[in-house]
Protein backbone atom coordinates (compact mmCIF):
# COMPACT_ATOMS: atom_id res chain seq x y z
CA UNK A 1 -5.70 -43.50 8.19
CA UNK A 2 -7.81 -45.82 10.33
CA UNK A 3 -11.28 -46.00 8.75
CA UNK A 4 -13.06 -45.67 12.12
CA UNK A 5 -11.07 -42.54 12.93
CA UNK A 6 -11.85 -41.17 9.46
CA UNK A 7 -15.60 -41.69 9.91
CA UNK A 8 -15.47 -40.08 13.35
CA UNK A 9 -13.65 -36.98 12.03
CA UNK A 10 -15.97 -36.75 9.03
CA UNK A 11 -19.04 -36.73 11.26
CA UNK A 12 -17.50 -34.13 13.58
CA UNK A 13 -16.85 -31.91 10.54
CA UNK A 14 -20.47 -32.21 9.40
CA UNK A 15 -21.70 -31.37 12.90
CA UNK A 16 -19.32 -28.38 13.00
CA UNK A 17 -20.58 -27.17 9.62
CA UNK A 18 -24.17 -27.34 10.86
CA UNK A 19 -23.19 -25.58 14.08
CA UNK A 20 -21.34 -22.77 12.28
CA UNK A 21 -24.17 -22.07 9.89
CA UNK A 22 -26.72 -22.06 12.71
CA UNK A 23 -24.62 -19.48 14.59
CA UNK A 24 -23.69 -17.23 11.69
CA UNK A 25 -26.59 -17.39 9.27
CA UNK A 26 -27.85 -19.41 6.37
CA UNK A 27 -25.35 -21.68 4.58
CA UNK A 28 -25.93 -19.83 1.30
CA UNK A 29 -24.74 -16.53 2.83
CA UNK A 30 -21.37 -17.74 4.05
CA UNK A 31 -18.62 -19.90 2.59
CA UNK A 32 -17.41 -23.08 4.24
CA UNK A 33 -13.97 -24.39 3.25
CA UNK A 34 -12.63 -27.81 4.11
CA UNK A 35 -8.90 -28.28 4.88
CA UNK A 36 -7.82 -24.74 4.03
CA UNK A 37 -4.17 -23.75 4.05
CA UNK A 38 -3.10 -20.22 3.19
CA UNK A 39 -0.37 -19.77 0.61
CA UNK A 40 2.60 -20.07 2.98
CA UNK A 41 0.89 -21.05 6.21
CA UNK A 42 2.56 -23.69 8.34
CA UNK A 43 -0.73 -25.15 9.50
CA UNK A 44 -4.00 -26.09 7.84
CA UNK A 45 -7.42 -25.32 9.31
CA UNK A 46 -9.85 -28.25 9.38
CA UNK A 47 -12.78 -25.97 8.55
CA UNK A 48 -12.97 -22.28 7.67
CA UNK A 49 -16.14 -20.19 7.69
CA UNK A 50 -16.07 -16.92 5.75
CA UNK A 51 -18.87 -14.43 6.37
CA UNK A 52 -19.21 -10.79 5.36
CA UNK A 53 -17.86 -9.80 8.79
CA UNK A 54 -15.11 -12.24 9.76
CA UNK A 55 -13.12 -15.36 8.95
CA UNK A 56 -13.30 -18.19 11.47
CA UNK A 57 -10.94 -21.17 11.67
CA UNK A 58 -12.14 -24.39 13.30
CA UNK A 59 -9.54 -26.86 14.52
CA UNK A 60 -11.00 -30.31 15.22
CA UNK A 61 -9.40 -32.80 17.58
CA UNK A 62 -11.13 -36.17 17.62
CA UNK A 63 -10.72 -38.72 20.37
CA UNK A 64 -7.66 -40.27 18.70
CA UNK A 65 -5.89 -37.00 17.82
CA UNK A 66 -2.82 -35.57 19.56
CA UNK A 67 -4.19 -32.58 21.49
CA UNK A 68 -0.68 -31.37 22.27
CA UNK A 69 -0.25 -30.12 18.68
CA UNK A 70 -2.55 -27.21 19.53
CA UNK A 71 0.42 -25.49 21.17
CA UNK A 72 2.00 -25.20 17.72
CA UNK A 73 -1.16 -24.73 15.65
CA UNK A 74 -2.93 -21.98 17.60
CA UNK A 75 -0.24 -19.23 17.30
CA UNK A 76 -0.14 -19.77 13.53
CA UNK A 77 -3.92 -19.84 13.13
CA UNK A 78 -4.39 -16.66 15.19
CA UNK A 79 -2.33 -14.71 12.64
CA UNK A 80 -4.63 -15.57 9.73
CA UNK A 81 -8.16 -15.67 11.17
CA UNK A 82 -10.36 -13.29 13.16
CA UNK A 83 -11.38 -16.11 15.47
CA UNK A 84 -10.13 -19.61 16.17
CA UNK A 85 -12.49 -22.24 17.57
CA UNK A 86 -11.31 -25.61 18.87
CA UNK A 87 -13.85 -28.43 18.78
CA UNK A 88 -12.86 -31.62 20.55
CA UNK A 89 -14.14 -34.58 22.54
CA UNK A 90 -14.56 -34.70 26.30
CA UNK A 91 -11.50 -36.88 26.87
CA UNK A 92 -9.35 -33.92 25.73
CA UNK A 93 -11.19 -31.28 27.78
CA UNK A 94 -8.64 -30.70 30.55
CA UNK A 95 -5.62 -30.42 28.25
CA UNK A 96 -7.49 -28.33 25.65
CA UNK A 97 -8.78 -25.96 28.32
CA UNK A 98 -5.27 -25.31 29.64
CA UNK A 99 -4.11 -24.46 26.09
CA UNK A 100 -7.06 -22.26 25.09
CA UNK A 101 -7.91 -20.33 28.25
CA UNK A 102 -5.13 -17.71 28.03
CA UNK A 103 -5.18 -17.25 24.25
CA UNK A 104 -8.81 -16.09 23.77
CA UNK A 105 -9.48 -19.20 21.69
CA UNK A 106 -12.96 -20.72 21.67
CA UNK A 107 -13.28 -24.22 23.10
CA UNK A 108 -16.24 -26.49 22.40
CA UNK A 109 -16.99 -30.10 23.28
CA UNK A 110 -18.93 -32.24 20.83
CA UNK A 111 -21.61 -34.40 22.41
CA UNK A 112 -24.24 -36.76 21.04
CA UNK A 113 -26.93 -34.08 21.28
CA UNK A 114 -24.92 -31.08 20.12
CA UNK A 115 -21.86 -28.91 20.74
CA UNK A 116 -21.28 -27.46 24.22
CA UNK A 117 -19.35 -24.19 24.50
CA UNK A 118 -16.73 -24.15 27.26
CA UNK A 119 -14.83 -20.97 26.27
CA UNK A 120 -16.08 -18.28 23.91
CA UNK A 121 -13.57 -17.22 21.27
CA UNK A 122 -12.82 -13.51 20.90
CA UNK A 123 -12.67 -11.73 17.59
CA UNK A 124 -9.40 -10.01 16.78
CA UNK A 125 -7.83 -8.28 13.81
CA UNK A 126 -5.76 -10.38 11.46
CA UNK A 127 -2.01 -9.78 11.58
CA UNK A 128 -1.24 -7.42 8.61
CA UNK A 129 2.21 -8.92 8.12
CA UNK A 130 0.66 -12.38 7.79
CA UNK A 131 -1.68 -11.08 5.10
CA UNK A 132 1.20 -9.64 3.12
CA UNK A 133 3.46 -12.69 3.36
CA UNK A 134 1.29 -15.79 3.52
CA UNK A 135 -2.18 -15.50 2.13
CA UNK A 136 -2.30 -14.44 -1.48
CA UNK A 137 -0.63 -16.12 -4.48
CA UNK A 138 2.12 -14.27 -6.30
CA UNK A 139 -0.01 -13.09 -9.24
CA UNK A 140 -2.25 -11.26 -6.74
CA UNK A 141 0.62 -9.86 -4.65
CA UNK A 142 2.31 -8.47 -7.77
CA UNK A 143 -0.69 -6.34 -8.73
CA UNK A 144 0.08 -2.61 -8.49
CA UNK A 145 -3.25 -1.85 -6.81
CA UNK A 146 -2.96 -4.68 -4.29
CA UNK A 147 -3.58 -3.73 -0.64
CA UNK A 148 -3.78 -6.71 1.77
CA UNK A 149 -6.79 -5.74 3.88
CA UNK A 150 -9.13 -8.06 5.80
CA UNK A 151 -11.96 -7.02 3.49
CA UNK A 152 -9.92 -7.99 0.42
CA UNK A 153 -9.04 -11.30 2.11
CA UNK A 154 -12.72 -12.13 2.76
CA UNK A 155 -13.68 -11.22 -0.81
CA UNK A 156 -10.78 -13.25 -2.19
CA UNK A 157 -11.82 -16.40 -0.30
CA UNK A 158 -15.50 -15.90 -1.09
CA UNK A 159 -14.83 -15.61 -4.81
CA UNK A 160 -12.38 -18.50 -4.89
CA UNK A 161 -14.37 -21.02 -2.84
CA UNK A 162 -17.91 -19.71 -3.00
CA UNK A 163 -18.34 -19.73 -6.77
CA UNK A 164 -18.67 -23.51 -7.04
CA UNK A 165 -21.99 -25.31 -6.71
CA UNK A 166 -22.60 -26.11 -3.06
CA UNK A 167 -23.82 -29.42 -1.79
CA UNK A 168 -26.67 -29.08 0.75
CA UNK A 169 -25.93 -29.98 4.36
CA UNK A 170 -26.64 -33.72 4.66
CA UNK A 171 -29.81 -34.77 6.44
CA UNK A 172 -28.68 -38.38 6.78
CA UNK A 173 -25.72 -39.67 8.75
CA UNK A 174 -24.31 -42.01 6.08
CA UNK A 175 -20.57 -41.94 5.62
CA UNK A 176 -20.94 -41.56 1.83
CA UNK A 177 -23.23 -38.52 2.16
CA UNK A 178 -21.02 -36.86 4.76
CA UNK A 179 -17.86 -37.54 2.74
CA UNK A 180 -19.39 -36.04 -0.40
CA UNK A 181 -20.50 -32.95 1.49
CA UNK A 182 -17.10 -32.36 3.12
CA UNK A 183 -15.22 -32.89 -0.15
CA UNK A 184 -17.50 -30.39 -1.90
CA UNK A 185 -16.38 -27.68 0.54
CA UNK A 186 -12.95 -27.51 -1.08
CA UNK A 187 -12.80 -28.74 -4.69
CA UNK A 188 -9.10 -27.78 -4.87
CA UNK A 189 -8.30 -30.08 -1.94
CA UNK A 190 -10.42 -32.84 -3.49
CA UNK A 191 -8.46 -32.66 -6.73
CA UNK A 192 -5.17 -32.85 -4.83
CA UNK A 193 -6.44 -35.94 -3.00
CA UNK A 194 -7.52 -37.58 -6.25
CA UNK A 195 -4.10 -36.91 -7.81
CA UNK A 196 -2.34 -38.33 -4.76
CA UNK A 197 -4.59 -41.40 -4.80
CA UNK A 198 -3.76 -42.01 -8.47
CA UNK A 199 -0.05 -41.66 -7.69
CA UNK A 200 -0.34 -44.12 -4.81
CA UNK A 201 -2.22 -46.61 -7.02
CA UNK A 202 0.46 -46.26 -9.72
CA UNK A 203 3.27 -46.98 -7.25
CA UNK A 204 1.37 -49.96 -5.82
CA UNK A 205 0.92 -51.39 -9.32
CA UNK A 206 4.57 -50.75 -10.10
CA UNK A 207 5.66 -52.53 -6.91
CA UNK A 208 3.34 -55.48 -7.63
CA UNK A 209 4.76 -55.74 -11.15
CA UNK A 210 8.31 -55.67 -9.79
CA UNK A 211 7.54 -58.43 -7.30
CA UNK A 212 5.88 -60.49 -10.03
CA UNK A 213 8.90 -60.15 -12.31
CA UNK A 214 11.23 -61.14 -9.46
CA UNK A 215 9.09 -64.17 -8.71
CA UNK A 216 9.08 -65.19 -12.38
CA UNK A 217 12.85 -64.75 -12.60
CA UNK A 218 13.38 -66.85 -9.45
CA UNK A 219 11.11 -69.61 -10.77
CA UNK A 220 12.98 -69.62 -14.08
CA UNK A 221 16.35 -69.96 -12.36
CA UNK A 222 15.01 -72.77 -10.18
CA UNK A 223 13.76 -74.66 -13.25
CA UNK A 224 17.11 -74.29 -14.98
CA UNK A 225 18.93 -75.72 -11.93
CA UNK A 226 16.56 -78.70 -11.75
CA UNK A 227 16.98 -79.62 -15.43
CA UNK A 228 20.79 -79.83 -15.23
CA UNK A 229 22.31 -83.38 -14.97
């Protein structure tokens, strides 16, 4: 990923986190989750806010993102969240508005001085069939007393992601501080990223070793040819 795009998205996420907590109460009362994907969901929400009343998905589209993917993402997100809010930049406003206006999805434009609301998202009930099929892991679904209600869903997410120590919202705008804050919102996602980074480093080292051995072999063959009469 382009580092400038990464910084831009990271800062939008921090601004969205601040915006969500200002709208829905103190940070300590709700749970923010970064890059959340339900058990069998086809799409991943950039940010999720879980309160004692509802579960909100925030889909972020930065200046460089493909806004057209919302056509695929929104129907899937609407099944699993009470409200879906799209936060994007002004260059995507016209296209995003045409996608969101007939689906009761919130649309917000991020500016230098804050987030401007264009369309207000409407709360709706979560699709019961989506709760049964996609949200909970098998060991929960197999419980005899399991009933997939919205209340159970909120409690499940709160217990799973709210039990870890929370990093305070950053007061500075440094990339390191923002990155640490966003990663702390989903320790499970962070661990997956770390594992993938180690795998990538291993394969890079393996490829470098292979190239080095090939180079050594080629040099050896060249030396043998030169020494022959």
